[in-house]
Amino acid sequence: MQVLNSLVATIFLLAGAAVSAASGTTQAPDNLSFPHLFSVDFEATGGGDSIAIPGGHRVLLIITDGVMKVSNGTTIATVQPGGSSETGILHDDGTFVVDAHVIVKFTDGHFGFLQLAGNDILNPVTGDGQGFHRMQIETDSPEFSKYTSWFIVGQLLFSGTTGHIESYGADPAAL
């Protein structure tokens, strides 16, 4: 968590410095700390499926089952099978660029879409799928739609057919 806070704080400070230099008025906070929001545990199939590409392999996993829980362990959503998948590029140097899409059904009956996007990697990742990525949530759930505008960073861990996503974030208006 300390590494995440330091990394994100550095990114915001650099971004803030660029905005400040351009406008002369805006500055990023000196220290940012994001609380844990939720975790997603999931099962997948197809772990051996890959396509050779220049510089590595594209991998495909179909997410078949899982749950989404807040920090106190309360389940807030279930992963919907059939519409969820993870693809990514495993580079020859061991870095993994993820593009995960997870469809969930929240406890209030509304559906949601979670995406961890490799094009927003904040930290190089290793072949075992560890690293921090920008996470986006889309939903019309009255209870959980607040997350659609939040800044969220996810960490994907994957072993065999079992995956785990930890997420940290905050409402940008509160930063």
N, C-alpha and C. Protein backbone atom coordinates (compact mmCIF):
# COMPACT_ATOMS: atom_id res chain seq x y z
N MET A 1 0.83 -1.19 0.00
CA MET A 1 0.00 0.00 0.00
C MET A 1 0.87 1.25 0.00
N GLN A 2 1.98 1.21 0.76
CA GLN A 2 2.88 2.35 0.81
C GLN A 2 3.46 2.64 -0.57
N VAL A 3 3.83 1.56 -1.31
CA VAL A 3 4.36 1.74 -2.66
C VAL A 3 3.32 2.39 -3.55
N LEU A 4 2.06 1.93 -3.44
CA LEU A 4 0.98 2.51 -4.23
C LEU A 4 0.82 3.98 -3.91
N ASN A 5 0.76 4.32 -2.64
CA ASN A 5 0.58 5.73 -2.25
C ASN A 5 1.71 6.59 -2.78
N SER A 6 2.95 6.12 -2.67
CA SER A 6 4.09 6.89 -3.15
C SER A 6 4.05 7.06 -4.66
N LEU A 7 3.72 5.96 -5.37
CA LEU A 7 3.65 6.01 -6.82
C LEU A 7 2.58 6.97 -7.29
N VAL A 8 1.39 6.84 -6.74
CA VAL A 8 0.29 7.71 -7.15
C VAL A 8 0.57 9.15 -6.78
N ALA A 9 1.13 9.39 -5.60
CA ALA A 9 1.47 10.75 -5.19
C ALA A 9 2.47 11.37 -6.16
N THR A 10 3.46 10.59 -6.58
CA THR A 10 4.45 11.10 -7.52
C THR A 10 3.81 11.46 -8.84
N ILE A 11 2.92 10.60 -9.34
CA ILE A 11 2.24 10.88 -10.61
C ILE A 11 1.41 12.15 -10.50
N PHE A 12 0.66 12.30 -9.42
CA PHE A 12 -0.15 13.49 -9.25
C PHE A 12 0.71 14.74 -9.08
N LEU A 13 1.81 14.62 -8.38
CA LEU A 13 2.69 15.78 -8.21
C LEU A 13 3.27 16.21 -9.55
N LEU A 14 3.68 15.24 -10.38
CA LEU A 14 4.20 15.58 -11.69
C LEU A 14 3.12 16.19 -12.57
N ALA A 15 1.92 15.60 -12.54
CA ALA A 15 0.81 16.15 -13.31
C ALA A 15 0.45 17.53 -12.81
N GLY A 16 0.44 17.70 -11.50
CA GLY A 16 0.12 19.00 -10.91
C GLY A 16 1.15 20.04 -11.27
N ALA A 17 2.42 19.64 -11.30
CA ALA A 17 3.47 20.58 -11.67
C ALA A 17 3.32 21.02 -13.11
N ALA A 18 2.93 20.10 -13.99
CA ALA A 18 2.73 20.45 -15.39
C ALA A 18 1.56 21.41 -15.55
N VAL A 19 0.46 21.14 -14.84
CA VAL A 19 -0.70 22.03 -14.90
C VAL A 19 -0.35 23.38 -14.30
N SER A 20 0.36 23.35 -13.19
CA SER A 20 0.75 24.59 -12.53
C SER A 20 1.64 25.44 -13.43
N ALA A 21 2.58 24.78 -14.11
CA ALA A 21 3.47 25.52 -15.00
C ALA A 21 2.71 26.12 -16.17
N ALA A 22 1.69 25.39 -16.65
CA ALA A 22 0.93 25.88 -17.79
C ALA A 22 -0.02 27.00 -17.40
N SER A 23 -0.66 26.90 -16.24
CA SER A 23 -1.67 27.88 -15.87
C SER A 23 -1.23 28.83 -14.78
N GLY A 24 -0.26 28.39 -13.99
CA GLY A 24 0.21 29.22 -12.90
C GLY A 24 -0.70 29.22 -11.69
N THR A 25 -1.76 28.36 -11.67
CA THR A 25 -2.71 28.41 -10.56
C THR A 25 -2.97 27.09 -9.87
N THR A 26 -2.90 25.97 -10.56
CA THR A 26 -3.31 24.69 -9.99
C THR A 26 -2.11 23.90 -9.51
N GLN A 27 -2.23 23.29 -8.31
CA GLN A 27 -1.18 22.42 -7.80
C GLN A 27 -1.79 21.17 -7.19
N ALA A 28 -1.08 20.07 -7.35
CA ALA A 28 -1.53 18.81 -6.76
C ALA A 28 -1.25 18.81 -5.27
N PRO A 29 -2.02 18.04 -4.51
CA PRO A 29 -1.74 17.91 -3.07
C PRO A 29 -0.34 17.33 -2.85
N ASP A 30 0.27 17.66 -1.72
CA ASP A 30 1.60 17.14 -1.41
C ASP A 30 1.60 15.64 -1.18
N ASN A 31 0.54 15.11 -0.60
CA ASN A 31 0.50 13.69 -0.28
C ASN A 31 -0.90 13.15 -0.54
N LEU A 32 -0.98 12.12 -1.35
CA LEU A 32 -2.26 11.48 -1.63
C LEU A 32 -2.26 10.09 -1.02
N SER A 33 -3.38 9.68 -0.50
CA SER A 33 -3.52 8.35 0.05
C SER A 33 -4.91 7.85 -0.31
N PHE A 34 -4.97 6.72 -0.99
CA PHE A 34 -6.25 6.18 -1.42
C PHE A 34 -6.66 5.02 -0.53
N PRO A 35 -7.89 5.03 -0.04
CA PRO A 35 -8.36 3.90 0.77
C PRO A 35 -8.70 2.70 -0.11
N HIS A 36 -8.70 1.53 0.51
CA HIS A 36 -9.13 0.31 -0.18
C HIS A 36 -10.62 0.44 -0.45
N LEU A 37 -11.05 0.14 -1.67
CA LEU A 37 -12.47 0.22 -2.03
C LEU A 37 -13.12 -1.15 -2.03
N PHE A 38 -12.58 -2.06 -2.82
CA PHE A 38 -13.18 -3.38 -2.94
C PHE A 38 -12.16 -4.35 -3.52
N SER A 39 -12.52 -5.63 -3.46
CA SER A 39 -11.72 -6.68 -4.09
C SER A 39 -12.64 -7.54 -4.94
N VAL A 40 -12.08 -8.17 -5.95
CA VAL A 40 -12.82 -9.08 -6.81
C VAL A 40 -12.01 -10.37 -6.88
N ASP A 41 -12.63 -11.47 -6.49
CA ASP A 41 -12.03 -12.79 -6.65
C ASP A 41 -12.76 -13.49 -7.78
N PHE A 42 -12.00 -14.11 -8.70
CA PHE A 42 -12.67 -14.75 -9.84
C PHE A 42 -11.93 -16.01 -10.27
N GLU A 43 -12.68 -16.85 -10.99
CA GLU A 43 -12.15 -18.07 -11.60
C GLU A 43 -12.21 -17.88 -13.11
N ALA A 44 -11.25 -18.48 -13.81
CA ALA A 44 -11.19 -18.33 -15.26
C ALA A 44 -10.78 -19.65 -15.90
N THR A 45 -11.07 -19.77 -17.19
CA THR A 45 -10.64 -20.92 -17.99
C THR A 45 -9.81 -20.40 -19.15
N GLY A 46 -9.11 -21.30 -19.81
CA GLY A 46 -8.36 -20.91 -21.00
C GLY A 46 -6.99 -20.35 -20.70
N GLY A 47 -6.43 -20.65 -19.52
CA GLY A 47 -5.15 -20.10 -19.14
C GLY A 47 -4.00 -20.44 -20.07
N GLY A 48 -4.14 -21.49 -20.86
CA GLY A 48 -3.07 -21.86 -21.78
C GLY A 48 -3.23 -21.29 -23.17
N ASP A 49 -4.32 -20.55 -23.41
CA ASP A 49 -4.57 -20.02 -24.74
C ASP A 49 -3.74 -18.77 -24.98
N SER A 50 -2.95 -18.79 -26.06
CA SER A 50 -2.17 -17.61 -26.40
C SER A 50 -1.88 -17.61 -27.89
N ILE A 51 -1.58 -16.43 -28.39
CA ILE A 51 -1.23 -16.23 -29.79
C ILE A 51 0.13 -15.55 -29.80
N ALA A 52 1.07 -16.12 -30.56
CA ALA A 52 2.39 -15.49 -30.66
C ALA A 52 2.27 -14.20 -31.47
N ILE A 53 2.85 -13.14 -30.94
CA ILE A 53 2.90 -11.85 -31.63
C ILE A 53 4.34 -11.34 -31.55
N PRO A 54 4.70 -10.36 -32.37
CA PRO A 54 6.05 -9.82 -32.26
C PRO A 54 6.31 -9.30 -30.84
N GLY A 55 7.35 -9.79 -30.21
CA GLY A 55 7.72 -9.32 -28.88
C GLY A 55 7.04 -10.01 -27.73
N GLY A 56 6.22 -11.05 -28.01
CA GLY A 56 5.57 -11.73 -26.90
C GLY A 56 4.39 -12.58 -27.33
N HIS A 57 3.39 -12.67 -26.45
CA HIS A 57 2.18 -13.47 -26.70
C HIS A 57 0.95 -12.71 -26.21
N ARG A 58 -0.15 -12.84 -26.94
CA ARG A 58 -1.44 -12.35 -26.46
C ARG A 58 -2.13 -13.53 -25.79
N VAL A 59 -2.59 -13.31 -24.56
CA VAL A 59 -3.24 -14.37 -23.81
C VAL A 59 -4.73 -14.06 -23.64
N LEU A 60 -5.52 -15.11 -23.47
CA LEU A 60 -6.97 -14.97 -23.30
C LEU A 60 -7.43 -15.86 -22.16
N LEU A 61 -8.24 -15.28 -21.28
CA LEU A 61 -8.89 -16.01 -20.20
C LEU A 61 -10.36 -15.64 -20.20
N ILE A 62 -11.23 -16.62 -20.05
CA ILE A 62 -12.66 -16.37 -19.91
C ILE A 62 -13.00 -16.46 -18.43
N ILE A 63 -13.53 -15.39 -17.87
CA ILE A 63 -13.86 -15.35 -16.45
C ILE A 63 -15.22 -16.03 -16.26
N THR A 64 -15.26 -17.04 -15.39
CA THR A 64 -16.44 -17.88 -15.26
C THR A 64 -17.23 -17.67 -13.98
N ASP A 65 -16.62 -17.12 -12.94
CA ASP A 65 -17.29 -17.03 -11.65
C ASP A 65 -16.51 -16.07 -10.76
N GLY A 66 -17.19 -15.48 -9.78
CA GLY A 66 -16.47 -14.65 -8.83
C GLY A 66 -17.38 -13.76 -8.01
N VAL A 67 -16.76 -13.06 -7.05
CA VAL A 67 -17.49 -12.14 -6.18
C VAL A 67 -16.69 -10.85 -6.01
N MET A 68 -17.42 -9.78 -5.75
CA MET A 68 -16.83 -8.47 -5.48
C MET A 68 -17.23 -8.09 -4.06
N LYS A 69 -16.22 -7.75 -3.23
CA LYS A 69 -16.48 -7.45 -1.82
C LYS A 69 -15.84 -6.13 -1.42
N VAL A 70 -16.49 -5.42 -0.49
CA VAL A 70 -15.88 -4.22 0.08
C VAL A 70 -14.92 -4.65 1.19
N SER A 71 -14.20 -3.68 1.75
CA SER A 71 -13.12 -3.96 2.71
C SER A 71 -13.54 -4.79 3.91
N ASN A 72 -14.79 -4.66 4.37
CA ASN A 72 -15.21 -5.41 5.55
C ASN A 72 -15.65 -6.84 5.21
N GLY A 73 -15.53 -7.25 3.94
CA GLY A 73 -15.87 -8.60 3.53
C GLY A 73 -17.28 -8.79 3.02
N THR A 74 -18.09 -7.73 3.04
CA THR A 74 -19.47 -7.82 2.55
C THR A 74 -19.49 -7.92 1.03
N THR A 75 -20.20 -8.91 0.50
CA THR A 75 -20.33 -9.07 -0.94
C THR A 75 -21.24 -7.98 -1.48
N ILE A 76 -20.76 -7.26 -2.52
CA ILE A 76 -21.57 -6.22 -3.14
C ILE A 76 -21.97 -6.57 -4.56
N ALA A 77 -21.34 -7.62 -5.14
CA ALA A 77 -21.68 -8.01 -6.51
C ALA A 77 -21.16 -9.41 -6.79
N THR A 78 -21.76 -10.05 -7.79
CA THR A 78 -21.27 -11.34 -8.27
C THR A 78 -20.83 -11.17 -9.72
N VAL A 79 -19.75 -11.85 -10.07
CA VAL A 79 -19.24 -11.82 -11.44
C VAL A 79 -20.18 -12.63 -12.31
N GLN A 80 -20.52 -12.10 -13.47
CA GLN A 80 -21.43 -12.77 -14.39
C GLN A 80 -20.63 -13.57 -15.42
N PRO A 81 -20.86 -14.88 -15.49
CA PRO A 81 -20.10 -15.70 -16.43
C PRO A 81 -20.53 -15.43 -17.87
N GLY A 82 -19.62 -15.70 -18.79
CA GLY A 82 -19.94 -15.60 -20.20
C GLY A 82 -19.63 -14.25 -20.82
N GLY A 83 -19.76 -13.18 -20.08
CA GLY A 83 -19.50 -11.86 -20.65
C GLY A 83 -18.22 -11.24 -20.15
N SER A 84 -17.50 -11.95 -19.33
CA SER A 84 -16.29 -11.40 -18.72
C SER A 84 -15.05 -12.12 -19.26
N SER A 85 -14.00 -11.34 -19.52
CA SER A 85 -12.77 -11.95 -20.01
C SER A 85 -11.58 -11.09 -19.66
N GLU A 86 -10.44 -11.70 -19.74
CA GLU A 86 -9.19 -10.97 -19.58
C GLU A 86 -8.30 -11.32 -20.74
N THR A 87 -7.83 -10.31 -21.42
CA THR A 87 -6.81 -10.52 -22.43
C THR A 87 -5.63 -9.67 -22.03
N GLY A 88 -4.54 -9.95 -22.61
CA GLY A 88 -3.37 -9.15 -22.31
C GLY A 88 -2.21 -9.57 -23.18
N ILE A 89 -1.15 -8.80 -23.10
CA ILE A 89 0.05 -9.12 -23.84
C ILE A 89 1.16 -9.41 -22.83
N LEU A 90 1.69 -10.61 -22.93
CA LEU A 90 2.83 -11.00 -22.11
C LEU A 90 4.06 -10.79 -22.98
N HIS A 91 4.82 -9.74 -22.67
CA HIS A 91 6.00 -9.41 -23.46
C HIS A 91 7.14 -10.36 -23.14
N ASP A 92 8.06 -10.50 -24.09
CA ASP A 92 9.21 -11.38 -23.89
C ASP A 92 10.05 -10.98 -22.68
N ASP A 93 10.01 -9.70 -22.29
CA ASP A 93 10.80 -9.26 -21.13
C ASP A 93 10.08 -9.54 -19.80
N GLY A 94 8.89 -10.17 -19.86
CA GLY A 94 8.17 -10.54 -18.65
C GLY A 94 7.10 -9.56 -18.22
N THR A 95 7.00 -8.40 -18.85
CA THR A 95 5.95 -7.46 -18.47
C THR A 95 4.62 -7.93 -19.05
N PHE A 96 3.55 -7.63 -18.34
CA PHE A 96 2.21 -8.04 -18.75
C PHE A 96 1.32 -6.81 -18.84
N VAL A 97 0.77 -6.57 -20.00
CA VAL A 97 -0.14 -5.45 -20.22
C VAL A 97 -1.55 -6.04 -20.25
N VAL A 98 -2.35 -5.67 -19.27
CA VAL A 98 -3.66 -6.30 -19.08
C VAL A 98 -4.77 -5.48 -19.74
N ASP A 99 -5.81 -6.20 -20.16
CA ASP A 99 -7.04 -5.59 -20.65
C ASP A 99 -8.18 -6.49 -20.17
N ALA A 100 -8.58 -6.31 -18.91
CA ALA A 100 -9.60 -7.17 -18.30
C ALA A 100 -10.96 -6.48 -18.32
N HIS A 101 -11.98 -7.25 -18.65
CA HIS A 101 -13.36 -6.77 -18.65
C HIS A 101 -14.19 -7.72 -17.80
N VAL A 102 -14.85 -7.19 -16.79
CA VAL A 102 -15.63 -8.02 -15.87
C VAL A 102 -17.03 -7.44 -15.74
N ILE A 103 -18.03 -8.25 -16.02
CA ILE A 103 -19.43 -7.84 -15.83
C ILE A 103 -19.89 -8.38 -14.49
N VAL A 104 -20.45 -7.50 -13.66
CA VAL A 104 -20.92 -7.89 -12.34
C VAL A 104 -22.40 -7.53 -12.19
N LYS A 105 -23.06 -8.22 -11.27
CA LYS A 105 -24.42 -7.87 -10.88
C LYS A 105 -24.36 -7.47 -9.42
N PHE A 106 -24.66 -6.18 -9.16
CA PHE A 106 -24.61 -5.66 -7.80
C PHE A 106 -25.77 -6.21 -6.98
N THR A 107 -25.65 -6.12 -5.66
CA THR A 107 -26.67 -6.64 -4.76
C THR A 107 -28.00 -5.91 -4.90
N ASP A 108 -28.01 -4.71 -5.49
CA ASP A 108 -29.27 -4.01 -5.71
C ASP A 108 -29.94 -4.40 -7.03
N GLY A 109 -29.37 -5.42 -7.73
CA GLY A 109 -29.96 -5.93 -8.96
C GLY A 109 -29.46 -5.27 -10.23
N HIS A 110 -28.69 -4.21 -10.14
CA HIS A 110 -28.15 -3.52 -11.31
C HIS A 110 -26.83 -4.15 -11.74
N PHE A 111 -26.56 -4.05 -13.04
CA PHE A 111 -25.33 -4.60 -13.58
C PHE A 111 -24.25 -3.52 -13.63
N GLY A 112 -23.01 -3.97 -13.67
CA GLY A 112 -21.88 -3.06 -13.77
C GLY A 112 -20.82 -3.66 -14.65
N PHE A 113 -19.94 -2.80 -15.14
CA PHE A 113 -18.85 -3.19 -16.02
C PHE A 113 -17.55 -2.66 -15.42
N LEU A 114 -16.60 -3.55 -15.16
CA LEU A 114 -15.30 -3.16 -14.62
C LEU A 114 -14.26 -3.38 -15.71
N GLN A 115 -13.34 -2.45 -15.85
CA GLN A 115 -12.27 -2.61 -16.82
C GLN A 115 -10.94 -2.20 -16.20
N LEU A 116 -9.96 -3.10 -16.30
CA LEU A 116 -8.58 -2.77 -16.00
C LEU A 116 -7.91 -2.63 -17.35
N ALA A 117 -7.41 -1.44 -17.65
CA ALA A 117 -6.89 -1.18 -18.98
C ALA A 117 -5.37 -1.08 -18.98
N GLY A 118 -4.75 -1.86 -19.85
CA GLY A 118 -3.30 -1.86 -19.98
C GLY A 118 -2.74 -0.56 -20.50
N ASN A 119 -3.52 0.20 -21.22
CA ASN A 119 -3.00 1.46 -21.74
C ASN A 119 -2.87 2.51 -20.65
N ASP A 120 -3.28 2.20 -19.44
CA ASP A 120 -3.15 3.13 -18.32
C ASP A 120 -2.30 2.54 -17.22
N ILE A 121 -1.33 1.72 -17.58
CA ILE A 121 -0.46 1.11 -16.58
C ILE A 121 0.31 2.20 -15.84
N LEU A 122 0.33 2.12 -14.53
CA LEU A 122 1.07 3.08 -13.71
C LEU A 122 2.42 2.53 -13.30
N ASN A 123 2.61 1.25 -13.44
CA ASN A 123 3.83 0.61 -12.97
C ASN A 123 4.09 -0.60 -13.86
N PRO A 124 5.33 -0.83 -14.30
CA PRO A 124 5.59 -2.04 -15.09
C PRO A 124 5.17 -3.28 -14.30
N VAL A 125 4.65 -4.24 -15.00
CA VAL A 125 4.16 -5.45 -14.34
C VAL A 125 5.00 -6.64 -14.74
N THR A 126 4.98 -7.65 -13.93
CA THR A 126 5.74 -8.86 -14.20
C THR A 126 4.84 -9.91 -14.83
N GLY A 127 5.43 -10.96 -15.31
CA GLY A 127 4.69 -12.01 -15.99
C GLY A 127 3.64 -12.68 -15.14
N ASP A 128 3.71 -12.55 -13.82
CA ASP A 128 2.70 -13.17 -12.98
C ASP A 128 1.49 -12.27 -12.78
N GLY A 129 1.44 -11.15 -13.47
CA GLY A 129 0.25 -10.30 -13.45
C GLY A 129 0.18 -9.35 -12.29
N GLN A 130 1.28 -8.99 -11.68
CA GLN A 130 1.25 -8.03 -10.59
C GLN A 130 1.61 -6.65 -11.11
N GLY A 131 0.85 -5.65 -10.73
CA GLY A 131 1.10 -4.29 -11.14
C GLY A 131 -0.14 -3.46 -10.91
N PHE A 132 -0.02 -2.18 -11.04
CA PHE A 132 -1.16 -1.30 -10.83
C PHE A 132 -1.65 -0.75 -12.15
N HIS A 133 -2.96 -0.75 -12.33
CA HIS A 133 -3.59 -0.30 -13.56
C HIS A 133 -4.75 0.62 -13.22
N ARG A 134 -5.09 1.48 -14.14
CA ARG A 134 -6.26 2.34 -14.00
C ARG A 134 -7.49 1.46 -14.16
N MET A 135 -8.43 1.59 -13.24
CA MET A 135 -9.67 0.82 -13.31
C MET A 135 -10.83 1.77 -13.55
N GLN A 136 -11.75 1.36 -14.41
CA GLN A 136 -12.95 2.14 -14.71
C GLN A 136 -14.17 1.29 -14.36
N ILE A 137 -15.17 1.90 -13.75
CA ILE A 137 -16.42 1.21 -13.44
C ILE A 137 -17.56 1.96 -14.11
N GLU A 138 -18.44 1.22 -14.75
CA GLU A 138 -19.65 1.79 -15.35
C GLU A 138 -20.85 1.05 -14.77
N THR A 139 -21.85 1.78 -14.30
CA THR A 139 -23.09 1.17 -13.80
C THR A 139 -24.16 2.24 -13.66
N ASP A 140 -25.41 1.81 -13.71
CA ASP A 140 -26.52 2.72 -13.42
C ASP A 140 -27.10 2.43 -12.03
N SER A 141 -26.39 1.64 -11.24
CA SER A 141 -26.83 1.32 -9.89
C SER A 141 -26.89 2.57 -9.04
N PRO A 142 -28.05 2.86 -8.43
CA PRO A 142 -28.14 4.04 -7.56
C PRO A 142 -27.14 4.00 -6.40
N GLU A 143 -26.86 2.79 -5.91
CA GLU A 143 -25.96 2.65 -4.77
C GLU A 143 -24.48 2.72 -5.15
N PHE A 144 -24.13 2.21 -6.33
CA PHE A 144 -22.72 2.08 -6.69
C PHE A 144 -22.29 2.97 -7.85
N SER A 145 -23.19 3.78 -8.42
CA SER A 145 -22.82 4.62 -9.56
C SER A 145 -21.82 5.72 -9.19
N LYS A 146 -21.66 6.00 -7.91
CA LYS A 146 -20.67 7.01 -7.50
C LYS A 146 -19.28 6.64 -8.00
N TYR A 147 -18.99 5.35 -8.13
CA TYR A 147 -17.66 4.91 -8.56
C TYR A 147 -17.37 5.23 -10.02
N THR A 148 -18.39 5.56 -10.81
CA THR A 148 -18.14 5.82 -12.23
C THR A 148 -17.27 7.05 -12.46
N SER A 149 -17.25 7.96 -11.52
CA SER A 149 -16.43 9.17 -11.68
C SER A 149 -15.19 9.17 -10.78
N TRP A 150 -14.98 8.11 -10.02
CA TRP A 150 -13.86 8.06 -9.08
C TRP A 150 -12.56 7.69 -9.79
N PHE A 151 -11.46 8.14 -9.22
CA PHE A 151 -10.14 7.70 -9.67
C PHE A 151 -9.84 6.40 -8.94
N ILE A 152 -9.70 5.30 -9.67
CA ILE A 152 -9.52 3.98 -9.07
C ILE A 152 -8.29 3.31 -9.68
N VAL A 153 -7.47 2.75 -8.82
CA VAL A 153 -6.30 2.00 -9.25
C VAL A 153 -6.52 0.57 -8.80
N GLY A 154 -6.32 -0.37 -9.72
CA GLY A 154 -6.48 -1.78 -9.39
C GLY A 154 -5.17 -2.52 -9.48
N GLN A 155 -5.06 -3.57 -8.69
CA GLN A 155 -3.90 -4.46 -8.77
C GLN A 155 -4.43 -5.85 -9.07
N LEU A 156 -3.93 -6.43 -10.16
CA LEU A 156 -4.34 -7.76 -10.59
C LEU A 156 -3.29 -8.78 -10.17
N LEU A 157 -3.74 -9.82 -9.51
CA LEU A 157 -2.89 -10.96 -9.16
C LEU A 157 -3.52 -12.18 -9.81
N PHE A 158 -2.73 -13.03 -10.43
CA PHE A 158 -3.30 -14.18 -11.12
C PHE A 158 -2.39 -15.38 -10.97
N SER A 159 -2.99 -16.53 -10.68
CA SER A 159 -2.25 -17.77 -10.54
C SER A 159 -3.12 -18.92 -11.04
N GLY A 160 -2.66 -19.62 -12.06
CA GLY A 160 -3.44 -20.73 -12.60
C GLY A 160 -4.75 -20.25 -13.17
N THR A 161 -5.86 -20.68 -12.56
CA THR A 161 -7.18 -20.25 -13.02
C THR A 161 -7.86 -19.32 -12.03
N THR A 162 -7.15 -18.88 -11.00
CA THR A 162 -7.72 -18.02 -9.97
C THR A 162 -7.14 -16.62 -10.06
N GLY A 163 -8.02 -15.62 -10.06
CA GLY A 163 -7.58 -14.24 -10.12
C GLY A 163 -8.10 -13.44 -8.95
N HIS A 164 -7.41 -12.35 -8.66
CA HIS A 164 -7.78 -11.48 -7.56
C HIS A 164 -7.44 -10.04 -7.95
N ILE A 165 -8.39 -9.13 -7.76
CA ILE A 165 -8.18 -7.71 -8.04
C ILE A 165 -8.41 -6.94 -6.75
N GLU A 166 -7.44 -6.14 -6.36
CA GLU A 166 -7.60 -5.20 -5.24
C GLU A 166 -7.75 -3.82 -5.85
N SER A 167 -8.62 -3.00 -5.29
CA SER A 167 -8.78 -1.65 -5.84
C SER A 167 -8.72 -0.61 -4.73
N TYR A 168 -8.16 0.52 -5.09
CA TYR A 168 -7.99 1.65 -4.19
C TYR A 168 -8.42 2.89 -4.96
N GLY A 169 -9.04 3.85 -4.29
CA GLY A 169 -9.44 5.03 -5.04
C GLY A 169 -10.10 6.08 -4.19
N ALA A 170 -10.52 7.13 -4.88
CA ALA A 170 -11.16 8.26 -4.21
C ALA A 170 -11.95 9.07 -5.21
N ASP A 171 -12.90 9.81 -4.69
CA ASP A 171 -13.67 10.76 -5.48
C ASP A 171 -12.73 11.91 -5.84
N PRO A 172 -12.56 12.22 -7.13
CA PRO A 172 -11.65 13.31 -7.51
C PRO A 172 -12.00 14.64 -6.86
N ALA A 173 -13.26 14.86 -6.57
CA ALA A 173 -13.66 16.12 -5.94
C ALA A 173 -13.10 16.24 -4.53
N ALA A 174 -12.76 15.09 -3.93
CA ALA A 174 -12.24 15.10 -2.56
C ALA A 174 -10.71 15.22 -2.51
N LEU A 175 -10.07 15.16 -3.67
CA LEU A 175 -8.60 15.21 -3.69
C LEU A 175 -8.07 16.61 -3.52
